[in-house]
Amino acid sequence: MKRLIVYFIEIIICFVIQSSMFHYIGLANVVPNILLILVVSTAYMRGKMSGLLLGFFSGILVDIIFGRVIGLYALIYMLIGYLIGFSHKIYDKDDFTIPIILVAISDIIYGFFYYVFEFLLRGRLNFFYYFRRIIFPEMIYTIAVSIFLYKLLHMINNRLNRKIDEEA
């Protein structure tokens, strides 16, 4: 139960930071995808189902507030959370490079699916322009932020694991 409450608080805090604070410090007209970092980190540390559920609720929140179609972001975040959850088998508490690489891969996947659903289906076919102007700068910015945010999320996860082990 504690973990669900912490996940809910993490989603709300990351959403508020992503949608309000980072718009003021955007670089190259992009902002880092904090919710994606949260979903990838949770899926990497906890597994497929945690990544899937966190991805769904993060995506639904983004859909409700910003989306034109309910379910698009939820589908993308769920898919990424589930796929990254497979990497939980190689989870190492001391390794901070694999999650950063997974965040980079996930951001490219997120950008590609967003391009397909929002632009390609409307006949805008210039993918390389979109990649150069949106996907790549967002990926770099998200990686830079994920270096710090992953350490914080890792610390929270370890503390939760210790608390749960002490209670059992």
N, C-alpha and C. Protein backbone atom coordinates (compact mmCIF):
# COMPACT_ATOMS: atom_id res chain seq x y z
N MET A 1 0.82 -1.20 0.00
CA MET A 1 0.00 0.00 0.00
C MET A 1 0.87 1.27 0.00
N LYS A 2 1.97 1.21 0.77
CA LYS A 2 2.86 2.36 0.82
C LYS A 2 3.44 2.65 -0.57
N ARG A 3 3.78 1.59 -1.27
CA ARG A 3 4.39 1.75 -2.60
C ARG A 3 3.41 2.42 -3.55
N LEU A 4 2.13 2.06 -3.49
CA LEU A 4 1.12 2.69 -4.36
C LEU A 4 0.97 4.17 -4.06
N ILE A 5 0.99 4.51 -2.79
CA ILE A 5 0.89 5.92 -2.40
C ILE A 5 2.11 6.69 -2.90
N VAL A 6 3.29 6.09 -2.75
CA VAL A 6 4.51 6.74 -3.22
C VAL A 6 4.48 6.89 -4.73
N TYR A 7 4.01 5.87 -5.47
CA TYR A 7 3.90 5.97 -6.92
C TYR A 7 2.95 7.10 -7.32
N PHE A 8 1.83 7.20 -6.64
CA PHE A 8 0.86 8.26 -6.92
C PHE A 8 1.49 9.63 -6.70
N ILE A 9 2.20 9.79 -5.60
CA ILE A 9 2.85 11.07 -5.30
C ILE A 9 3.94 11.36 -6.33
N GLU A 10 4.71 10.34 -6.72
CA GLU A 10 5.75 10.54 -7.73
C GLU A 10 5.16 10.99 -9.06
N ILE A 11 4.05 10.37 -9.47
CA ILE A 11 3.41 10.75 -10.73
C ILE A 11 2.97 12.20 -10.68
N ILE A 12 2.32 12.58 -9.60
CA ILE A 12 1.82 13.96 -9.48
C ILE A 12 2.98 14.95 -9.47
N ILE A 13 4.01 14.68 -8.69
CA ILE A 13 5.15 15.61 -8.61
C ILE A 13 5.85 15.73 -9.96
N CYS A 14 6.11 14.59 -10.60
CA CYS A 14 6.80 14.63 -11.90
C CYS A 14 5.95 15.33 -12.96
N PHE A 15 4.64 15.11 -12.93
CA PHE A 15 3.76 15.77 -13.89
C PHE A 15 3.77 17.28 -13.68
N VAL A 16 3.67 17.71 -12.43
CA VAL A 16 3.66 19.15 -12.14
C VAL A 16 4.98 19.79 -12.54
N ILE A 17 6.09 19.12 -12.24
CA ILE A 17 7.39 19.67 -12.61
C ILE A 17 7.54 19.74 -14.13
N GLN A 18 7.12 18.67 -14.80
CA GLN A 18 7.26 18.63 -16.25
C GLN A 18 6.37 19.66 -16.94
N SER A 19 5.16 19.82 -16.46
CA SER A 19 4.23 20.70 -17.16
C SER A 19 4.33 22.16 -16.75
N SER A 20 4.96 22.45 -15.62
CA SER A 20 5.03 23.85 -15.21
C SER A 20 6.46 24.39 -15.19
N MET A 21 7.33 23.75 -14.45
CA MET A 21 8.65 24.31 -14.25
C MET A 21 9.55 24.21 -15.48
N PHE A 22 9.56 23.08 -16.14
CA PHE A 22 10.50 22.89 -17.24
C PHE A 22 10.14 23.68 -18.49
N HIS A 23 8.93 24.20 -18.58
CA HIS A 23 8.59 25.04 -19.73
C HIS A 23 9.36 26.37 -19.69
N TYR A 24 9.77 26.76 -18.50
CA TYR A 24 10.54 27.99 -18.38
C TYR A 24 12.02 27.80 -18.65
N ILE A 25 12.50 26.57 -18.54
CA ILE A 25 13.92 26.32 -18.79
C ILE A 25 14.10 25.35 -19.96
N GLY A 26 13.19 25.41 -20.91
CA GLY A 26 13.30 24.56 -22.09
C GLY A 26 14.47 24.98 -22.96
N LEU A 27 15.12 24.00 -23.54
CA LEU A 27 16.23 24.24 -24.45
C LEU A 27 15.83 23.78 -25.85
N ALA A 28 16.11 24.60 -26.85
CA ALA A 28 15.78 24.27 -28.24
C ALA A 28 14.29 23.97 -28.41
N ASN A 29 13.47 24.66 -27.64
CA ASN A 29 12.02 24.50 -27.68
C ASN A 29 11.54 23.10 -27.32
N VAL A 30 12.30 22.38 -26.52
CA VAL A 30 11.88 21.08 -26.01
C VAL A 30 12.08 21.06 -24.51
N VAL A 31 11.31 20.22 -23.85
CA VAL A 31 11.44 20.02 -22.40
C VAL A 31 11.70 18.53 -22.17
N PRO A 32 12.38 18.20 -21.08
CA PRO A 32 12.64 16.78 -20.81
C PRO A 32 11.35 16.07 -20.41
N ASN A 33 11.30 14.81 -20.72
CA ASN A 33 10.12 14.01 -20.42
C ASN A 33 10.32 13.34 -19.06
N ILE A 34 9.94 14.03 -18.01
CA ILE A 34 10.14 13.55 -16.65
C ILE A 34 9.31 12.30 -16.37
N LEU A 35 8.08 12.27 -16.86
CA LEU A 35 7.24 11.09 -16.64
C LEU A 35 7.82 9.86 -17.32
N LEU A 36 8.46 10.05 -18.45
CA LEU A 36 9.10 8.92 -19.12
C LEU A 36 10.26 8.39 -18.26
N ILE A 37 11.02 9.28 -17.67
CA ILE A 37 12.10 8.86 -16.77
C ILE A 37 11.53 8.07 -15.60
N LEU A 38 10.42 8.54 -15.05
CA LEU A 38 9.78 7.85 -13.94
C LEU A 38 9.32 6.45 -14.34
N VAL A 39 8.67 6.35 -15.49
CA VAL A 39 8.17 5.05 -15.97
C VAL A 39 9.33 4.10 -16.24
N VAL A 40 10.35 4.56 -16.93
CA VAL A 40 11.50 3.71 -17.25
C VAL A 40 12.23 3.28 -15.99
N SER A 41 12.44 4.19 -15.07
CA SER A 41 13.14 3.86 -13.82
C SER A 41 12.36 2.84 -13.01
N THR A 42 11.07 3.03 -12.90
CA THR A 42 10.25 2.11 -12.13
C THR A 42 10.20 0.74 -12.80
N ALA A 43 10.05 0.72 -14.11
CA ALA A 43 10.01 -0.56 -14.82
C ALA A 43 11.35 -1.29 -14.69
N TYR A 44 12.43 -0.56 -14.74
CA TYR A 44 13.76 -1.17 -14.62
C TYR A 44 13.98 -1.71 -13.20
N MET A 45 13.53 -0.97 -12.19
CA MET A 45 13.78 -1.39 -10.81
C MET A 45 12.76 -2.39 -10.31
N ARG A 46 11.51 -2.34 -10.80
CA ARG A 46 10.44 -3.16 -10.22
C ARG A 46 9.86 -4.22 -11.17
N GLY A 47 10.00 -4.07 -12.47
CA GLY A 47 9.51 -5.09 -13.38
C GLY A 47 8.40 -4.62 -14.31
N LYS A 48 7.87 -5.58 -15.07
CA LYS A 48 6.91 -5.29 -16.14
C LYS A 48 5.59 -4.71 -15.63
N MET A 49 5.02 -5.34 -14.62
CA MET A 49 3.70 -4.89 -14.17
C MET A 49 3.75 -3.50 -13.53
N SER A 50 4.78 -3.24 -12.76
CA SER A 50 4.91 -1.90 -12.17
C SER A 50 5.10 -0.85 -13.26
N GLY A 51 5.93 -1.17 -14.25
CA GLY A 51 6.14 -0.25 -15.37
C GLY A 51 4.88 -0.03 -16.17
N LEU A 52 4.12 -1.10 -16.39
CA LEU A 52 2.88 -1.01 -17.15
C LEU A 52 1.86 -0.14 -16.42
N LEU A 53 1.67 -0.40 -15.13
CA LEU A 53 0.68 0.36 -14.37
C LEU A 53 1.08 1.82 -14.19
N LEU A 54 2.35 2.05 -13.89
CA LEU A 54 2.80 3.43 -13.75
C LEU A 54 2.71 4.16 -15.08
N GLY A 55 3.03 3.45 -16.17
CA GLY A 55 2.91 4.04 -17.50
C GLY A 55 1.48 4.38 -17.84
N PHE A 56 0.56 3.50 -17.48
CA PHE A 56 -0.86 3.76 -17.75
C PHE A 56 -1.35 5.00 -17.01
N PHE A 57 -1.09 5.06 -15.72
CA PHE A 57 -1.61 6.19 -14.95
C PHE A 57 -0.90 7.50 -15.29
N SER A 58 0.38 7.43 -15.62
CA SER A 58 1.09 8.65 -16.07
C SER A 58 0.51 9.12 -17.40
N GLY A 59 0.30 8.18 -18.31
CA GLY A 59 -0.24 8.52 -19.62
C GLY A 59 -1.67 9.04 -19.55
N ILE A 60 -2.48 8.44 -18.71
CA ILE A 60 -3.87 8.91 -18.56
C ILE A 60 -3.89 10.34 -18.02
N LEU A 61 -3.01 10.63 -17.08
CA LEU A 61 -2.95 12.00 -16.54
C LEU A 61 -2.58 12.99 -17.63
N VAL A 62 -1.58 12.65 -18.44
CA VAL A 62 -1.18 13.53 -19.54
C VAL A 62 -2.31 13.64 -20.57
N ASP A 63 -2.99 12.52 -20.86
CA ASP A 63 -4.11 12.54 -21.80
C ASP A 63 -5.23 13.45 -21.33
N ILE A 64 -5.55 13.35 -20.06
CA ILE A 64 -6.67 14.14 -19.53
C ILE A 64 -6.36 15.64 -19.59
N ILE A 65 -5.13 16.00 -19.26
CA ILE A 65 -4.78 17.41 -19.19
C ILE A 65 -4.44 17.99 -20.56
N PHE A 66 -3.62 17.28 -21.35
CA PHE A 66 -3.09 17.86 -22.59
C PHE A 66 -3.55 17.18 -23.87
N GLY A 67 -3.99 15.95 -23.79
CA GLY A 67 -4.25 15.19 -25.00
C GLY A 67 -5.54 15.56 -25.70
N ARG A 68 -5.51 15.40 -27.00
CA ARG A 68 -6.72 15.59 -27.79
C ARG A 68 -7.52 14.30 -27.86
N VAL A 69 -6.81 13.18 -27.71
CA VAL A 69 -7.43 11.87 -27.73
C VAL A 69 -7.05 11.16 -26.44
N ILE A 70 -8.05 10.69 -25.73
CA ILE A 70 -7.78 10.00 -24.47
C ILE A 70 -7.23 8.60 -24.80
N GLY A 71 -6.07 8.31 -24.26
CA GLY A 71 -5.49 6.99 -24.41
C GLY A 71 -4.21 6.92 -25.20
N LEU A 72 -3.89 7.95 -25.97
CA LEU A 72 -2.69 7.91 -26.79
C LEU A 72 -1.43 7.88 -25.92
N TYR A 73 -1.30 8.82 -25.01
CA TYR A 73 -0.13 8.82 -24.13
C TYR A 73 -0.13 7.61 -23.21
N ALA A 74 -1.31 7.20 -22.76
CA ALA A 74 -1.39 6.03 -21.90
C ALA A 74 -0.88 4.79 -22.63
N LEU A 75 -1.24 4.65 -23.88
CA LEU A 75 -0.77 3.52 -24.68
C LEU A 75 0.75 3.56 -24.85
N ILE A 76 1.29 4.72 -25.17
CA ILE A 76 2.73 4.85 -25.39
C ILE A 76 3.50 4.58 -24.10
N TYR A 77 3.09 5.21 -23.01
CA TYR A 77 3.79 5.01 -21.74
C TYR A 77 3.64 3.57 -21.25
N MET A 78 2.46 2.97 -21.43
CA MET A 78 2.27 1.57 -21.03
C MET A 78 3.18 0.64 -21.82
N LEU A 79 3.25 0.85 -23.10
CA LEU A 79 4.09 0.02 -23.95
C LEU A 79 5.56 0.13 -23.54
N ILE A 80 6.00 1.34 -23.31
CA ILE A 80 7.39 1.55 -22.90
C ILE A 80 7.64 0.94 -21.52
N GLY A 81 6.73 1.15 -20.58
CA GLY A 81 6.90 0.58 -19.25
C GLY A 81 6.94 -0.94 -19.27
N TYR A 82 6.11 -1.54 -20.09
CA TYR A 82 6.08 -3.00 -20.17
C TYR A 82 7.35 -3.53 -20.81
N LEU A 83 7.78 -2.91 -21.91
CA LEU A 83 8.97 -3.40 -22.61
C LEU A 83 10.24 -3.21 -21.77
N ILE A 84 10.35 -2.08 -21.10
CA ILE A 84 11.53 -1.84 -20.25
C ILE A 84 11.49 -2.75 -19.03
N GLY A 85 10.31 -3.17 -18.62
CA GLY A 85 10.18 -4.09 -17.48
C GLY A 85 10.90 -5.40 -17.69
N PHE A 86 11.11 -5.81 -18.94
CA PHE A 86 11.86 -7.03 -19.20
C PHE A 86 13.32 -6.90 -18.76
N SER A 87 13.83 -5.69 -18.71
CA SER A 87 15.22 -5.48 -18.31
C SER A 87 15.40 -5.58 -16.79
N HIS A 88 14.31 -5.76 -16.06
CA HIS A 88 14.41 -5.91 -14.61
C HIS A 88 15.26 -7.12 -14.23
N LYS A 89 15.33 -8.10 -15.09
CA LYS A 89 16.12 -9.30 -14.81
C LYS A 89 17.61 -8.99 -14.73
N ILE A 90 18.05 -7.92 -15.37
CA ILE A 90 19.46 -7.55 -15.32
C ILE A 90 19.69 -6.37 -14.38
N TYR A 91 18.71 -6.08 -13.53
CA TYR A 91 18.79 -4.94 -12.62
C TYR A 91 19.95 -5.12 -11.65
N ASP A 92 20.77 -4.09 -11.54
CA ASP A 92 21.89 -4.06 -10.61
C ASP A 92 21.80 -2.76 -9.83
N LYS A 93 21.84 -2.87 -8.51
CA LYS A 93 21.67 -1.68 -7.68
C LYS A 93 22.78 -0.65 -7.86
N ASP A 94 23.95 -1.10 -8.28
CA ASP A 94 25.09 -0.19 -8.38
C ASP A 94 25.30 0.37 -9.78
N ASP A 95 24.57 -0.11 -10.75
CA ASP A 95 24.79 0.31 -12.14
C ASP A 95 23.84 1.45 -12.49
N PHE A 96 24.42 2.57 -12.90
CA PHE A 96 23.61 3.72 -13.29
C PHE A 96 23.68 4.00 -14.79
N THR A 97 24.41 3.19 -15.54
CA THR A 97 24.51 3.44 -16.98
C THR A 97 23.38 2.79 -17.76
N ILE A 98 22.97 1.59 -17.37
CA ILE A 98 21.90 0.90 -18.11
C ILE A 98 20.60 1.69 -18.07
N PRO A 99 20.16 2.22 -16.91
CA PRO A 99 18.91 2.99 -16.94
C PRO A 99 18.99 4.24 -17.80
N ILE A 100 20.16 4.86 -17.87
CA ILE A 100 20.30 6.06 -18.71
C ILE A 100 20.18 5.66 -20.18
N ILE A 101 20.79 4.54 -20.55
CA ILE A 101 20.67 4.04 -21.92
C ILE A 101 19.22 3.67 -22.23
N LEU A 102 18.54 3.05 -21.26
CA LEU A 102 17.13 2.69 -21.45
C LEU A 102 16.25 3.93 -21.59
N VAL A 103 16.58 4.98 -20.87
CA VAL A 103 15.83 6.24 -21.02
C VAL A 103 16.02 6.80 -22.42
N ALA A 104 17.23 6.74 -22.94
CA ALA A 104 17.50 7.25 -24.29
C ALA A 104 16.72 6.44 -25.33
N ILE A 105 16.77 5.13 -25.22
CA ILE A 105 16.03 4.27 -26.16
C ILE A 105 14.53 4.52 -26.04
N SER A 106 14.05 4.64 -24.82
CA SER A 106 12.61 4.86 -24.60
C SER A 106 12.16 6.21 -25.15
N ASP A 107 13.00 7.22 -25.03
CA ASP A 107 12.63 8.53 -25.56
C ASP A 107 12.56 8.51 -27.08
N ILE A 108 13.43 7.76 -27.72
CA ILE A 108 13.36 7.62 -29.17
C ILE A 108 12.08 6.88 -29.56
N ILE A 109 11.75 5.81 -28.83
CA ILE A 109 10.52 5.06 -29.10
C ILE A 109 9.30 5.95 -28.88
N TYR A 110 9.31 6.71 -27.79
CA TYR A 110 8.22 7.64 -27.49
C TYR A 110 8.06 8.66 -28.62
N GLY A 111 9.17 9.26 -29.05
CA GLY A 111 9.12 10.25 -30.12
C GLY A 111 8.65 9.66 -31.43
N PHE A 112 9.07 8.43 -31.73
CA PHE A 112 8.64 7.78 -32.96
C PHE A 112 7.14 7.51 -32.95
N PHE A 113 6.64 6.94 -31.85
CA PHE A 113 5.20 6.66 -31.78
C PHE A 113 4.38 7.94 -31.77
N TYR A 114 4.87 8.97 -31.10
CA TYR A 114 4.17 10.24 -31.12
C TYR A 114 4.13 10.80 -32.54
N TYR A 115 5.24 10.68 -33.26
CA TYR A 115 5.26 11.14 -34.66
C TYR A 115 4.26 10.36 -35.49
N VAL A 116 4.23 9.05 -35.35
CA VAL A 116 3.32 8.21 -36.14
C VAL A 116 1.88 8.59 -35.88
N PHE A 117 1.49 8.71 -34.60
CA PHE A 117 0.08 8.95 -34.28
C PHE A 117 -0.35 10.40 -34.49
N GLU A 118 0.54 11.34 -34.30
CA GLU A 118 0.15 12.75 -34.40
C GLU A 118 0.47 13.40 -35.74
N PHE A 119 1.49 12.94 -36.43
CA PHE A 119 1.91 13.62 -37.65
C PHE A 119 1.77 12.74 -38.90
N LEU A 120 2.26 11.53 -38.84
CA LEU A 120 2.25 10.66 -40.02
C LEU A 120 0.83 10.35 -40.47
N LEU A 121 -0.05 10.11 -39.53
CA LEU A 121 -1.44 9.81 -39.89
C LEU A 121 -2.18 11.01 -40.47
N ARG A 122 -1.60 12.20 -40.33
CA ARG A 122 -2.19 13.40 -40.93
C ARG A 122 -1.50 13.79 -42.22
N GLY A 123 -0.58 12.96 -42.69
CA GLY A 123 0.06 13.21 -43.97
C GLY A 123 1.34 14.01 -43.91
N ARG A 124 1.84 14.27 -42.72
CA ARG A 124 3.12 14.98 -42.60
C ARG A 124 4.23 13.94 -42.60
N LEU A 125 4.97 13.87 -43.69
CA LEU A 125 5.88 12.76 -43.92
C LEU A 125 7.34 13.06 -43.66
N ASN A 126 7.68 14.26 -43.25
CA ASN A 126 9.08 14.63 -43.08
C ASN A 126 9.58 14.18 -41.71
N PHE A 127 9.90 12.88 -41.58
CA PHE A 127 10.33 12.31 -40.31
C PHE A 127 11.70 12.85 -39.89
N PHE A 128 12.61 13.00 -40.81
CA PHE A 128 13.96 13.43 -40.45
C PHE A 128 13.97 14.86 -39.90
N TYR A 129 13.10 15.71 -40.42
CA TYR A 129 12.96 17.05 -39.87
C TYR A 129 12.46 16.96 -38.42
N TYR A 130 11.44 16.15 -38.19
CA TYR A 130 10.89 15.97 -36.84
C TYR A 130 11.94 15.36 -35.91
N PHE A 131 12.70 14.40 -36.41
CA PHE A 131 13.74 13.77 -35.60
C PHE A 131 14.82 14.77 -35.21
N ARG A 132 15.24 15.57 -36.18
CA ARG A 132 16.31 16.53 -35.94
C ARG A 132 15.86 17.67 -35.04
N ARG A 133 14.63 18.12 -35.17
CA ARG A 133 14.16 19.29 -34.42
C ARG A 133 13.50 18.96 -33.08
N ILE A 134 12.91 17.76 -32.95
CA ILE A 134 12.16 17.44 -31.74
C ILE A 134 12.74 16.23 -31.01
N ILE A 135 12.80 15.09 -31.65
CA ILE A 135 13.16 13.85 -30.97
C ILE A 135 14.58 13.90 -30.41
N PHE A 136 15.56 14.26 -31.23
CA PHE A 136 16.94 14.24 -30.78
C PHE A 136 17.23 15.25 -29.67
N PRO A 137 16.81 16.51 -29.80
CA PRO A 137 17.06 17.44 -28.67
C PRO A 137 16.34 17.03 -27.38
N GLU A 138 15.11 16.51 -27.52
CA GLU A 138 14.40 16.06 -26.32
C GLU A 138 15.12 14.88 -25.68
N MET A 139 15.65 13.98 -26.49
CA MET A 139 16.37 12.84 -25.96
C MET A 139 17.61 13.29 -25.17
N ILE A 140 18.35 14.22 -25.72
CA ILE A 140 19.56 14.71 -25.04
C ILE A 140 19.19 15.38 -23.72
N TYR A 141 18.16 16.22 -23.74
CA TYR A 141 17.74 16.92 -22.53
C TYR A 141 17.19 15.93 -21.49
N THR A 142 16.44 14.94 -21.94
CA THR A 142 15.89 13.94 -21.03
C THR A 142 17.01 13.11 -20.41
N ILE A 143 18.02 12.77 -21.18
CA ILE A 143 19.15 12.01 -20.64
C ILE A 143 19.87 12.82 -19.57
N ALA A 144 20.09 14.10 -19.83
CA ALA A 144 20.77 14.95 -18.86
C ALA A 144 20.00 15.03 -17.54
N VAL A 145 18.69 15.15 -17.63
CA VAL A 145 17.88 15.23 -16.41
C VAL A 145 17.79 13.86 -15.74
N SER A 146 17.78 12.79 -16.53
CA SER A 146 17.62 11.45 -15.96
C SER A 146 18.82 11.04 -15.12
N ILE A 147 19.97 11.60 -15.39
CA ILE A 147 21.15 11.27 -14.58
C ILE A 147 20.89 11.62 -13.12
N PHE A 148 20.29 12.75 -12.87
CA PHE A 148 20.02 13.18 -11.50
C PHE A 148 18.74 12.56 -10.96
N LEU A 149 17.71 12.51 -11.79
CA LEU A 149 16.42 12.02 -11.32
C LEU A 149 16.45 10.52 -11.04
N TYR A 150 17.19 9.76 -11.82
CA TYR A 150 17.26 8.32 -11.57
C TYR A 150 17.89 8.04 -10.22
N LYS A 151 18.91 8.78 -9.86
CA LYS A 151 19.54 8.57 -8.55
C LYS A 151 18.56 8.83 -7.42
N LEU A 152 17.73 9.86 -7.57
CA LEU A 152 16.71 10.15 -6.56
C LEU A 152 15.66 9.04 -6.51
N LEU A 153 15.18 8.60 -7.66
CA LEU A 153 14.18 7.53 -7.70
C LEU A 153 14.76 6.21 -7.18
N HIS A 154 16.02 5.96 -7.46
CA HIS A 154 16.69 4.77 -6.97
C HIS A 154 16.78 4.79 -5.44
N MET A 155 17.09 5.95 -4.89
CA MET A 155 17.16 6.10 -3.45
C MET A 155 15.79 5.88 -2.80
N ILE A 156 14.74 6.42 -3.41
CA ILE A 156 13.38 6.23 -2.89
C ILE A 156 12.99 4.76 -2.94
N ASN A 157 13.31 4.09 -4.04
CA ASN A 157 12.99 2.67 -4.18
C ASN A 157 13.73 1.83 -3.13
N ASN A 158 15.00 2.12 -2.90
CA ASN A 158 15.76 1.38 -1.89
C ASN A 158 15.19 1.60 -0.50
N ARG A 159 14.81 2.82 -0.21
CA ARG A 159 14.23 3.11 1.11
C ARG A 159 12.89 2.40 1.29
N LEU A 160 12.09 2.37 0.25
CA LEU A 160 10.81 1.64 0.32
C LEU A 160 11.04 0.15 0.51
N ASN A 161 12.01 -0.40 -0.20
CA ASN A 161 12.31 -1.83 -0.04
C ASN A 161 12.75 -2.14 1.39
N ARG A 162 13.58 -1.28 1.97
CA ARG A 162 14.02 -1.49 3.35
C ARG A 162 12.85 -1.41 4.33
N LYS A 163 11.97 -0.44 4.14
CA LYS A 163 10.81 -0.28 5.02
C LYS A 163 9.89 -1.50 4.95
N ILE A 164 9.66 -1.98 3.74
CA ILE A 164 8.79 -3.14 3.56
C ILE A 164 9.43 -4.39 4.14
N ASP A 165 10.76 -4.53 3.99
CA ASP A 165 11.44 -5.68 4.56
C ASP A 165 11.44 -5.63 6.08
N GLU A 166 11.54 -4.44 6.65
CA GLU A 166 11.51 -4.31 8.11
C GLU A 166 10.15 -4.68 8.68
N GLU A 167 9.08 -4.34 7.95
CA GLU A 167 7.72 -4.64 8.42
C GLU A 167 7.39 -6.12 8.31
N ALA A 168 8.02 -6.80 7.37
CA ALA A 168 7.69 -8.22 7.15
C ALA A 168 8.35 -9.14 8.14
